[in-house]
Amino acid sequence: MKAKISINTRSLIRQEVAKELERQSSTIYRQAAEDLMPQALAFFLWTLQLNYGWGEKRLRRLVDDLHETDHLMNSPSPMHHRFNSLDCEKMLKDKFGIDVRAEFPIVVEDKKGQVIK
């Protein structure tokens, strides 16, 4: 026997699902970032090591400089304004013509190496 759901009930279900997604979105985003950020940075640092011969000293200095930039972004002084990674992305595109999103489209693989579409 099929259960019949009225249009009003479906609409209410969709509204509740949308509300719950809104409530959960920051948690989901944070979890994704915690997985993706280390992978992206490892990819970047490994490329510098492999293609440019960067060793421990240069890589460590770059990591320290990245921490310093993060501090500047989040703790503006009278010498500079607050900015974020979206501002950095825009500057790279405007100043150098590098569209990071177009250059590196997202490809997601699970831990088993299977691509998730």
Protein backbone atom coordinates (compact mmCIF):
# COMPACT_ATOMS: atom_id res chain seq x y z
CA MET A 1 0.00 0.00 0.00
CA LYS A 2 1.37 3.40 -0.99
CA ALA A 3 1.35 6.24 1.44
CA LYS A 4 -0.06 9.39 -0.05
CA ILE A 5 1.64 12.62 0.91
CA SER A 6 -0.16 15.83 0.21
CA ILE A 7 1.53 18.71 -1.62
CA ASN A 8 1.41 20.78 1.56
CA THR A 9 3.20 18.05 3.50
CA ARG A 10 5.93 17.78 0.84
CA SER A 11 6.37 21.53 0.93
CA LEU A 12 6.72 21.46 4.72
CA ILE A 13 9.25 18.63 4.49
CA ARG A 14 11.31 20.60 1.94
CA GLN A 15 11.23 23.66 4.19
CA GLU A 16 12.37 21.66 7.21
CA VAL A 17 15.16 20.02 5.19
CA ALA A 18 16.31 23.46 4.00
CA LYS A 19 16.31 24.76 7.59
CA GLU A 20 18.31 21.77 8.83
CA LEU A 21 20.81 22.14 5.98
CA GLU A 22 21.24 25.78 6.93
CA ARG A 23 21.84 24.80 10.57
CA GLN A 24 24.37 22.13 9.60
CA SER A 25 26.17 23.97 6.79
CA SER A 26 28.88 25.57 8.94
CA THR A 27 29.68 22.22 10.55
CA ILE A 28 29.81 20.48 7.17
CA TYR A 29 31.97 23.27 5.71
CA ARG A 30 34.39 23.07 8.65
CA GLN A 31 34.71 19.29 8.32
CA ALA A 32 35.41 19.60 4.59
CA ALA A 33 37.99 22.33 5.17
CA GLU A 34 39.73 20.22 7.83
CA ASP A 35 40.12 17.45 5.24
CA LEU A 36 40.97 19.59 2.22
CA MET A 37 43.29 22.28 3.59
CA PRO A 38 46.11 19.93 4.66
CA GLN A 39 45.85 18.08 1.35
CA ALA A 40 46.04 21.31 -0.68
CA LEU A 41 49.01 22.62 1.31
CA ALA A 42 50.82 19.28 1.06
CA PHE A 43 50.27 19.31 -2.72
CA PHE A 44 51.68 22.85 -2.91
CA LEU A 45 54.72 22.21 -0.69
CA TRP A 46 55.49 18.89 -2.37
CA THR A 47 55.44 20.61 -5.78
CA LEU A 48 57.96 23.21 -4.56
CA GLN A 49 60.19 20.45 -3.22
CA LEU A 50 59.94 18.30 -6.32
CA ASN A 51 60.15 20.90 -9.11
CA TYR A 52 62.22 23.66 -7.51
CA GLY A 53 64.45 21.66 -5.19
CA TRP A 54 63.21 23.39 -2.07
CA GLY A 55 64.55 21.72 1.04
CA GLU A 56 63.64 21.82 4.68
CA LYS A 57 64.87 25.41 5.29
CA ARG A 58 62.93 27.02 2.43
CA LEU A 59 59.80 24.98 3.07
CA ARG A 60 59.94 25.77 6.80
CA ARG A 61 60.43 29.48 6.07
CA LEU A 62 57.45 29.43 3.69
CA VAL A 63 55.27 27.66 6.27
CA ASP A 64 56.31 30.26 8.87
CA ASP A 65 55.51 33.06 6.40
CA LEU A 66 52.10 31.52 5.74
CA HIS A 67 51.44 31.57 9.48
CA GLU A 68 52.50 35.23 9.56
CA THR A 69 50.15 36.08 6.67
CA ASP A 70 47.33 34.28 8.47
CA HIS A 71 48.07 36.36 11.56
CA LEU A 72 48.03 39.58 9.47
CA MET A 73 44.71 38.58 7.92
CA ASN A 74 43.07 38.00 11.27
CA SER A 75 44.78 40.70 13.37
CA PRO A 76 44.97 43.90 11.34
CA SER A 77 47.25 46.65 12.60
CA PRO A 78 47.06 50.39 11.90
CA MET A 79 49.45 49.70 8.99
CA HIS A 80 47.09 47.44 7.04
CA HIS A 81 43.45 46.47 6.72
CA ARG A 82 41.72 43.17 7.37
CA PHE A 83 41.67 40.81 4.39
CA ASN A 84 40.84 37.17 3.75
CA SER A 85 41.71 34.40 1.34
CA LEU A 86 38.93 35.50 -1.05
CA ASP A 87 40.67 38.89 -1.29
CA CYS A 88 43.94 37.07 -2.07
CA GLU A 89 42.18 35.04 -4.74
CA LYS A 90 40.78 38.22 -6.32
CA MET A 91 44.18 39.95 -6.24
CA LEU A 92 45.85 37.01 -8.01
CA LYS A 93 43.19 37.10 -10.71
CA ASP A 94 43.21 40.90 -11.14
CA LYS A 95 46.97 41.47 -10.92
CA PHE A 96 48.38 38.33 -12.56
CA GLY A 97 45.45 36.85 -14.48
CA ILE A 98 45.58 33.66 -12.41
CA ASP A 99 42.07 32.35 -11.80
CA VAL A 100 42.77 29.77 -9.12
CA ARG A 101 39.29 28.23 -9.39
CA ALA A 102 39.60 27.79 -13.16
CA GLU A 103 43.19 26.52 -12.94
CA PHE A 104 42.39 23.93 -10.29
CA PRO A 105 38.83 22.61 -10.67
CA ILE A 106 37.73 20.52 -7.72
CA VAL A 107 38.23 16.78 -8.00
CA VAL A 108 37.18 14.89 -4.89
CA GLU A 109 38.44 11.41 -4.09
CA ASP A 110 37.51 9.36 -1.09
CA LYS A 111 40.19 7.66 1.02
CA LYS A 112 39.93 4.59 -1.21
CA GLY A 113 40.97 6.67 -4.22
CA GLN A 114 37.59 6.68 -5.91
CA VAL A 115 36.47 9.92 -7.54
CA ILE A 116 33.27 11.35 -6.07
CA LYS A 117 31.05 13.20 -8.53
